[in-house]
Amino acid sequence: MKNLKHSLLVLFVFVFISVNAQEKKKYKIHTVAFYNLENLFDTINDTTKYDEASPIMELNQGLRAEAYKKKVKNMAKVVADIGYEDTKNSPAIIGVSEVENRQVLVDLVNDPQLLSKDYGIVHFDSPDKRGIDVALLYQKALFRPIETSSHELLIYDDSSRERVYTRDQLLVSGELDGDLIHIIVNHWPSRSGGEARSRFKRVAAGKLNKRIIDSLQSIDPYAKIMTMGDFNDNPINDSMKEELKTEADKEEVKLKGIYNPYENLYKKKGLGTTGYRDSWSLFDMILFTQPFLEKDYSSFRFYKAGIFNKSYLTNKEGRYKDYPLRMIDAGLSGGYSDHFPVYIYLVKEL
């Protein structure tokens, strides 16, 4: 498999260079990514949140600082690596989830592995009962936020009618090297209690996401919109197919439609971003609207989507072989997240 991937990469580079040579065109390429950082919590007990459930807070107090430093370092390594092999740069933009507060993001972007990238942060505190949030990181030299907003997901338990407190959806509009794009960062409600029992929560999240997209398209039908995140659903579930009405094939995407490049990776190749009970799920995705698919490369267009599942991110043996290597499994010596990151490449003619 590694040889095949290498061969395909070489072929891509050869074709890309050949086309450029024939047409005397040059392109710039940026990585846009998403990563569930799995419990990036600090070592301070926040009495307003249920943060005691995080692995770091469950450690003896004397071990927490060491574990936190290792966690930040490991997350920074992954962020720095995503897309670097092809673009020689870390992601221009990366959405993240399962972060406790702004300070853990400040610690992350100031890690020596990321410091030179000068990442900015867009973050709002959400009402999630565990205190976990979503955020957007961006290289200040490449992306300029223009407008940011947080959109509350109001859902209620079917039996008790009590509100279910979960993550907001983060909307960031800004310019990527001069191109106006809109990015929604998500972490939809989990499957706690079972997929069927919790489905209504993710369907509600899908409806909110679609309303945000529709509001942007009502202003500009040609708006370039991405929605990314840990959706806690697979590409074929109702929240994707019925609510967002995603398409697996580029040719089927109409002007206001949404393309999901991960659907065929899941259905045809059996790939996933997280494992549970001996099966893969592809919960982490980056979806986007039709204008990213046009053939005019005078502005940024979609080139490729992938799952960043490098060997160092995986378990090497045992029951969970090839699954994401979690820090809780590896102890203080290593480990990353229970999710693989996902990414897309955008290209633009110079």
Protein backbone atom coordinates (compact mmCIF):
# COMPACT_ATOMS: atom_id res chain seq x y z
CA MET A 1 0.00 0.00 0.00
CA LYS A 2 2.83 2.41 0.86
CA ASN A 3 4.48 1.73 -2.51
CA LEU A 4 1.17 2.33 -4.25
CA LYS A 5 0.68 5.66 -2.44
CA HIS A 6 4.23 6.68 -3.32
CA SER A 7 3.72 5.74 -6.96
CA LEU A 8 0.48 7.72 -7.14
CA LEU A 9 2.17 10.73 -5.55
CA VAL A 10 5.04 10.56 -8.03
CA LEU A 11 2.52 10.25 -10.88
CA PHE A 12 0.60 13.29 -9.57
CA VAL A 13 3.78 15.36 -9.34
CA PHE A 14 4.87 14.28 -12.84
CA VAL A 15 1.49 15.09 -14.39
CA PHE A 16 1.25 18.37 -12.47
CA ILE A 17 4.73 19.44 -13.60
CA SER A 18 4.09 18.25 -17.17
CA VAL A 19 0.88 20.25 -17.44
CA ASN A 20 2.57 23.30 -15.97
CA ALA A 21 5.48 22.95 -18.40
CA GLN A 22 3.18 22.64 -21.42
CA GLU A 23 0.90 25.51 -20.46
CA LYS A 24 3.58 27.55 -18.66
CA LYS A 25 1.29 27.95 -15.68
CA LYS A 26 2.17 27.97 -12.03
CA TYR A 27 -0.10 27.21 -9.11
CA LYS A 28 -0.16 27.83 -5.39
CA ILE A 29 -1.54 25.13 -3.11
CA HIS A 30 -2.93 25.38 0.42
CA THR A 31 -4.05 22.75 2.90
CA VAL A 32 -7.33 23.13 4.77
CA ALA A 33 -7.77 20.60 7.57
CA PHE A 34 -9.83 19.48 10.54
CA TYR A 35 -8.67 17.60 13.65
CA ASN A 36 -10.51 16.35 16.73
CA LEU A 37 -7.85 16.89 19.40
CA GLU A 38 -9.55 14.49 21.87
CA ASN A 39 -9.73 16.11 25.26
CA LEU A 40 -7.20 18.92 24.94
CA PHE A 41 -7.92 20.02 28.51
CA ASP A 42 -5.74 21.99 30.87
CA THR A 43 -4.76 20.93 34.40
CA ILE A 44 -7.09 23.33 36.23
CA ASN A 45 -10.37 22.11 37.67
CA ASP A 46 -13.06 24.45 36.34
CA THR A 47 -16.00 24.18 38.75
CA THR A 48 -18.41 25.45 36.07
CA LYS A 49 -17.68 22.46 33.81
CA TYR A 50 -17.54 18.71 34.05
CA ASP A 51 -13.86 18.73 33.09
CA GLU A 52 -12.98 16.08 35.69
CA ALA A 53 -13.92 13.50 33.04
CA SER A 54 -10.86 14.35 30.93
CA PRO A 55 -7.95 11.87 31.06
CA ILE A 56 -5.56 14.56 32.31
CA MET A 57 -7.82 15.49 35.23
CA GLU A 58 -8.15 11.82 36.16
CA LEU A 59 -4.39 11.60 36.76
CA ASN A 60 -2.74 12.27 40.09
CA GLN A 61 -2.16 16.01 40.38
CA GLY A 62 1.62 15.60 40.27
CA LEU A 63 1.45 13.98 36.82
CA ARG A 64 -0.99 16.38 35.17
CA ALA A 65 1.48 19.07 34.08
CA GLU A 66 3.75 16.54 32.39
CA ALA A 67 0.81 14.89 30.62
CA TYR A 68 -0.54 18.25 29.44
CA LYS A 69 2.81 19.34 28.00
CA LYS A 70 3.12 16.04 26.14
CA LYS A 71 -0.42 16.31 24.81
CA VAL A 72 0.17 19.84 23.48
CA LYS A 73 3.48 18.79 21.93
CA ASN A 74 1.91 15.79 20.21
CA MET A 75 -1.03 17.77 18.86
CA ALA A 76 1.35 20.44 17.55
CA LYS A 77 3.41 17.80 15.74
CA VAL A 78 0.35 16.50 13.91
CA VAL A 79 -0.88 19.96 12.94
CA ALA A 80 2.58 20.86 11.66
CA ASP A 81 2.73 17.68 9.56
CA ILE A 82 -0.68 17.78 7.85
CA GLY A 83 -0.13 18.54 4.17
CA TYR A 84 3.55 19.32 4.60
CA GLU A 85 4.73 16.46 2.40
CA ASP A 86 3.03 17.96 -0.67
CA THR A 87 2.83 21.69 0.09
CA LYS A 88 5.95 22.22 2.26
CA ASN A 89 3.72 24.07 4.69
CA SER A 90 1.33 23.31 7.53
CA PRO A 91 -2.39 23.94 7.01
CA ALA A 92 -3.32 27.47 6.04
CA ILE A 93 -6.56 26.86 7.95
CA ILE A 94 -7.44 24.10 10.42
CA GLY A 95 -10.64 23.58 12.37
CA VAL A 96 -10.31 21.80 15.71
CA SER A 97 -12.69 20.28 18.25
CA GLU A 98 -12.58 18.94 21.81
CA VAL A 99 -10.65 21.89 23.21
CA GLU A 100 -11.49 23.16 26.68
CA ASN A 101 -10.83 26.87 26.30
CA ARG A 102 -8.87 29.54 24.47
CA GLN A 103 -5.78 29.10 26.64
CA VAL A 104 -5.13 25.54 25.47
CA LEU A 105 -5.22 26.87 21.91
CA VAL A 106 -2.75 29.61 22.82
CA ASP A 107 -0.45 26.94 24.26
CA LEU A 108 -0.85 24.86 21.10
CA VAL A 109 -0.05 27.59 18.56
CA ASN A 110 2.92 28.73 20.68
CA ASP A 111 4.50 25.30 20.68
CA PRO A 112 7.95 25.52 18.98
CA GLN A 113 6.73 23.26 16.16
CA LEU A 114 4.05 25.82 15.18
CA LEU A 115 5.37 29.14 16.42
CA SER A 116 6.86 30.20 13.08
CA LYS A 117 3.48 29.70 11.38
CA ASP A 118 1.98 32.54 13.44
CA TYR A 119 -1.47 30.98 13.80
CA GLY A 120 -4.40 33.15 14.77
CA ILE A 121 -7.34 31.80 16.77
CA VAL A 122 -11.10 32.12 16.42
CA HIS A 123 -12.85 30.66 19.46
CA PHE A 124 -16.10 31.06 21.39
CA ASP A 125 -17.04 29.33 24.64
CA SER A 126 -19.89 26.90 24.02
CA PRO A 127 -22.59 25.68 26.44
CA ASP A 128 -21.45 22.05 26.16
CA LYS A 129 -21.87 20.34 29.53
CA ARG A 130 -18.29 19.02 29.46
CA GLY A 131 -16.97 22.41 28.45
CA ILE A 132 -15.54 21.31 25.10
CA ASP A 133 -15.49 23.77 22.22
CA VAL A 134 -14.63 24.07 18.55
CA ALA A 135 -12.23 26.63 17.10
CA LEU A 136 -10.48 27.73 13.92
CA LEU A 137 -6.72 28.26 13.59
CA TYR A 138 -5.32 30.14 10.62
CA GLN A 139 -1.96 31.34 9.39
CA LYS A 140 -2.19 35.13 9.61
CA ALA A 141 -0.05 35.57 6.50
CA LEU A 142 -2.51 33.52 4.41
CA PHE A 143 -6.00 34.04 5.84
CA ARG A 144 -7.75 37.17 7.12
CA PRO A 145 -10.99 36.73 9.10
CA ILE A 146 -13.63 39.32 8.26
CA GLU A 147 -16.62 38.16 10.31
CA THR A 148 -17.07 35.47 12.97
CA SER A 149 -20.17 34.16 14.76
CA SER A 150 -21.24 31.28 16.97
CA HIS A 151 -24.56 29.52 16.28
CA GLU A 152 -26.35 27.80 19.13
CA LEU A 153 -27.85 24.32 18.64
CA LEU A 154 -31.09 24.14 20.62
CA ILE A 155 -32.21 20.55 21.18
CA TYR A 156 -34.24 18.91 23.91
CA ASP A 157 -34.41 15.39 25.30
CA ASP A 158 -37.46 13.51 23.99
CA SER A 159 -38.51 12.16 27.36
CA SER A 160 -37.57 14.82 29.91
CA ARG A 161 -37.87 17.79 27.53
CA GLU A 162 -34.77 19.19 29.18
CA ARG A 163 -32.27 20.97 27.00
CA VAL A 164 -29.29 18.97 25.73
CA TYR A 165 -26.27 21.25 26.05
CA THR A 166 -23.83 20.66 23.22
CA ARG A 167 -21.38 22.49 20.98
CA ASP A 168 -22.22 25.60 18.98
CA GLN A 169 -21.41 25.80 15.27
CA LEU A 170 -18.67 28.30 14.47
CA LEU A 171 -18.89 30.39 11.29
CA VAL A 172 -15.83 32.27 10.03
CA SER A 173 -15.87 34.34 6.85
CA GLY A 174 -12.60 35.67 5.52
CA GLU A 175 -10.09 35.96 2.71
CA LEU A 176 -7.68 33.17 1.81
CA ASP A 177 -4.99 34.89 -0.26
CA GLY A 178 -7.64 37.35 -1.42
CA ASP A 179 -10.46 34.83 -2.05
CA LEU A 180 -13.59 35.18 0.08
CA ILE A 181 -14.52 31.85 1.71
CA HIS A 182 -16.84 30.81 4.53
CA ILE A 183 -15.98 28.04 6.99
CA ILE A 184 -18.28 26.33 9.49
CA VAL A 185 -16.58 24.27 12.22
CA ASN A 186 -18.69 21.54 13.83
CA HIS A 187 -18.68 18.94 16.56
CA TRP A 188 -22.13 17.37 16.41
CA PRO A 189 -23.76 15.47 19.31
CA SER A 190 -22.30 12.07 20.05
CA ARG A 191 -23.89 8.65 19.68
CA SER A 192 -24.09 8.20 23.44
CA GLY A 193 -27.06 5.93 24.19
CA GLY A 194 -26.89 4.39 20.72
CA GLU A 195 -26.98 5.65 17.14
CA ALA A 196 -30.75 5.35 16.70
CA ARG A 197 -31.66 6.90 20.05
CA SER A 198 -29.34 9.87 19.54
CA ARG A 199 -30.01 10.35 15.81
CA PHE A 200 -32.47 13.23 16.29
CA LYS A 201 -29.69 15.35 17.80
CA ARG A 202 -27.47 15.08 14.72
CA VAL A 203 -30.45 15.58 12.42
CA ALA A 204 -31.10 18.82 14.31
CA ALA A 205 -27.42 19.76 13.91
CA GLY A 206 -27.74 19.09 10.19
CA LYS A 207 -30.76 21.38 9.96
CA LEU A 208 -28.88 24.19 11.72
CA ASN A 209 -25.88 23.69 9.45
CA LYS A 210 -28.09 23.86 6.37
CA ARG A 211 -29.74 27.07 7.62
CA ILE A 212 -26.33 28.70 7.99
CA ILE A 213 -25.34 27.60 4.48
CA ASP A 214 -28.69 28.74 3.03
CA SER A 215 -28.31 32.16 4.66
CA LEU A 216 -24.92 32.63 3.01
CA GLN A 217 -26.20 31.44 -0.36
CA SER A 218 -29.22 33.75 -0.18
CA ILE A 219 -26.74 36.64 -0.23
CA ASP A 220 -24.48 35.05 -2.84
CA PRO A 221 -25.48 31.83 -4.65
CA TYR A 222 -21.84 31.43 -5.71
CA ALA A 223 -20.50 31.64 -2.16
CA LYS A 224 -17.55 29.34 -1.44
CA ILE A 225 -18.61 27.54 1.72
CA MET A 226 -16.92 24.71 3.63
CA THR A 227 -18.45 22.87 6.54
CA MET A 228 -16.00 20.71 8.46
CA GLY A 229 -15.86 18.79 11.67
CA ASP A 230 -16.50 15.69 13.70
CA PHE A 231 -20.09 15.03 12.67
CA ASN A 232 -20.47 11.81 14.70
CA ASP A 233 -22.21 10.41 11.63
CA ASN A 234 -20.94 8.63 8.55
CA PRO A 235 -21.27 10.11 5.04
CA ILE A 236 -24.32 7.96 4.30
CA ASN A 237 -26.36 8.85 7.40
CA ASP A 238 -29.55 10.94 7.34
CA SER A 239 -27.90 14.06 8.72
CA MET A 240 -25.67 14.11 5.63
CA LYS A 241 -27.91 12.75 2.88
CA GLU A 242 -31.31 14.08 3.95
CA GLU A 243 -30.49 17.31 5.77
CA LEU A 244 -27.37 18.60 3.98
CA LYS A 245 -28.26 16.67 0.80
CA THR A 246 -24.63 15.89 0.08
CA GLU A 247 -23.47 14.36 -3.20
CA ALA A 248 -20.71 11.79 -3.61
CA ASP A 249 -19.99 12.59 -7.26
CA LYS A 250 -18.82 15.99 -8.50
CA GLU A 251 -20.97 15.82 -11.62
CA GLU A 252 -24.14 15.61 -9.52
CA VAL A 253 -23.46 18.78 -7.50
CA LYS A 254 -25.68 21.65 -8.58
CA LEU A 255 -25.01 25.35 -7.93
CA LYS A 256 -26.25 25.41 -4.33
CA GLY A 257 -25.40 21.77 -3.68
CA ILE A 258 -22.80 20.28 -1.35
CA TYR A 259 -20.03 17.87 -2.33
CA ASN A 260 -18.74 15.27 0.12
CA PRO A 261 -15.40 13.89 -1.12
CA TYR A 262 -15.33 11.46 1.82
CA GLU A 263 -18.45 9.51 0.86
CA ASN A 264 -16.70 7.40 -1.76
CA LEU A 265 -13.67 6.94 0.50
CA TYR A 266 -16.06 5.42 3.02
CA LYS A 267 -18.35 3.43 0.69
CA LYS A 268 -15.88 2.23 -1.92
CA LYS A 269 -12.60 2.06 -0.01
CA GLY A 270 -13.81 1.31 3.50
CA LEU A 271 -11.71 4.08 5.04
CA GLY A 272 -12.41 5.73 8.37
CA THR A 273 -11.15 8.31 10.82
CA THR A 274 -12.04 6.57 14.09
CA GLY A 275 -12.58 2.99 15.19
CA TYR A 276 -15.07 1.48 17.61
CA ARG A 277 -15.98 -2.12 18.37
CA ASP A 278 -13.87 -3.54 15.56
CA SER A 279 -15.30 -1.31 12.82
CA TRP A 280 -14.31 1.95 11.15
CA SER A 281 -16.40 5.11 11.12
CA LEU A 282 -15.72 8.15 8.97
CA PHE A 283 -17.08 10.90 11.23
CA ASP A 284 -14.54 13.59 10.32
CA MET A 285 -15.15 15.34 7.00
CA ILE A 286 -14.73 18.56 5.04
CA LEU A 287 -17.70 19.29 2.75
CA PHE A 288 -18.04 22.24 0.41
CA THR A 289 -20.25 23.96 -2.12
CA GLN A 290 -20.18 23.72 -5.91
CA PRO A 291 -18.11 26.86 -6.70
CA PHE A 292 -15.02 25.07 -5.32
CA LEU A 293 -15.45 22.51 -8.15
CA GLU A 294 -15.35 24.88 -11.11
CA LYS A 295 -12.51 24.57 -13.63
CA ASP A 296 -11.48 28.20 -13.62
CA TYR A 297 -8.36 28.29 -11.44
CA SER A 298 -8.16 32.07 -11.23
CA SER A 299 -9.44 31.53 -7.68
CA PHE A 300 -9.02 28.60 -5.28
CA ARG A 301 -10.57 25.29 -6.37
CA PHE A 302 -10.70 21.86 -4.84
CA TYR A 303 -7.97 19.44 -5.89
CA LYS A 304 -7.86 16.51 -3.48
CA ALA A 305 -9.24 15.20 -0.16
CA GLY A 306 -7.53 12.81 2.21
CA ILE A 307 -7.28 11.28 5.67
CA PHE A 308 -4.03 12.00 7.49
CA ASN A 309 -3.32 8.54 8.93
CA LYS A 310 0.45 8.39 9.06
CA SER A 311 2.03 5.37 10.72
CA TYR A 312 3.07 7.22 13.87
CA LEU A 313 -0.61 8.00 14.56
CA THR A 314 -1.64 4.34 14.69
CA ASN A 315 -1.55 1.44 17.12
CA LYS A 316 1.02 -1.10 15.98
CA GLU A 317 -0.35 -4.21 17.66
CA GLY A 318 -3.13 -5.72 19.70
CA ARG A 319 -6.88 -5.49 19.36
CA TYR A 320 -6.73 -1.91 18.14
CA LYS A 321 -3.98 -2.40 15.58
CA ASP A 322 -4.14 0.31 12.86
CA TYR A 323 -6.67 2.34 14.87
CA PRO A 324 -5.72 5.85 16.03
CA LEU A 325 -3.19 5.77 18.88
CA ARG A 326 -4.74 7.59 21.81
CA MET A 327 -2.66 9.22 24.49
CA ILE A 328 -4.69 7.38 27.13
CA ASP A 329 -3.56 4.09 25.56
CA ALA A 330 0.08 5.08 25.13
CA GLY A 331 0.53 6.67 28.54
CA LEU A 332 2.67 9.74 29.06
CA SER A 333 5.24 8.53 26.53
CA GLY A 334 3.14 9.11 23.43
CA GLY A 335 -0.26 8.94 21.80
CA TYR A 336 -2.34 11.50 19.98
CA SER A 337 -6.12 11.37 19.45
CA ASP A 338 -8.86 8.81 18.86
CA HIS A 339 -9.50 10.46 15.48
CA PHE A 340 -7.34 10.89 12.40
CA PRO A 341 -7.29 14.41 10.91
CA VAL A 342 -8.78 15.07 7.48
CA TYR A 343 -7.65 17.59 4.88
CA ILE A 344 -8.27 18.98 1.42
CA TYR A 345 -5.93 20.74 -1.00
CA LEU A 346 -7.00 23.95 -2.71
CA VAL A 347 -5.12 25.15 -5.78
CA LYS A 348 -5.06 28.48 -7.57
CA GLU A 349 -3.28 29.68 -10.70
CA LEU A 350 -0.64 32.33 -10.02
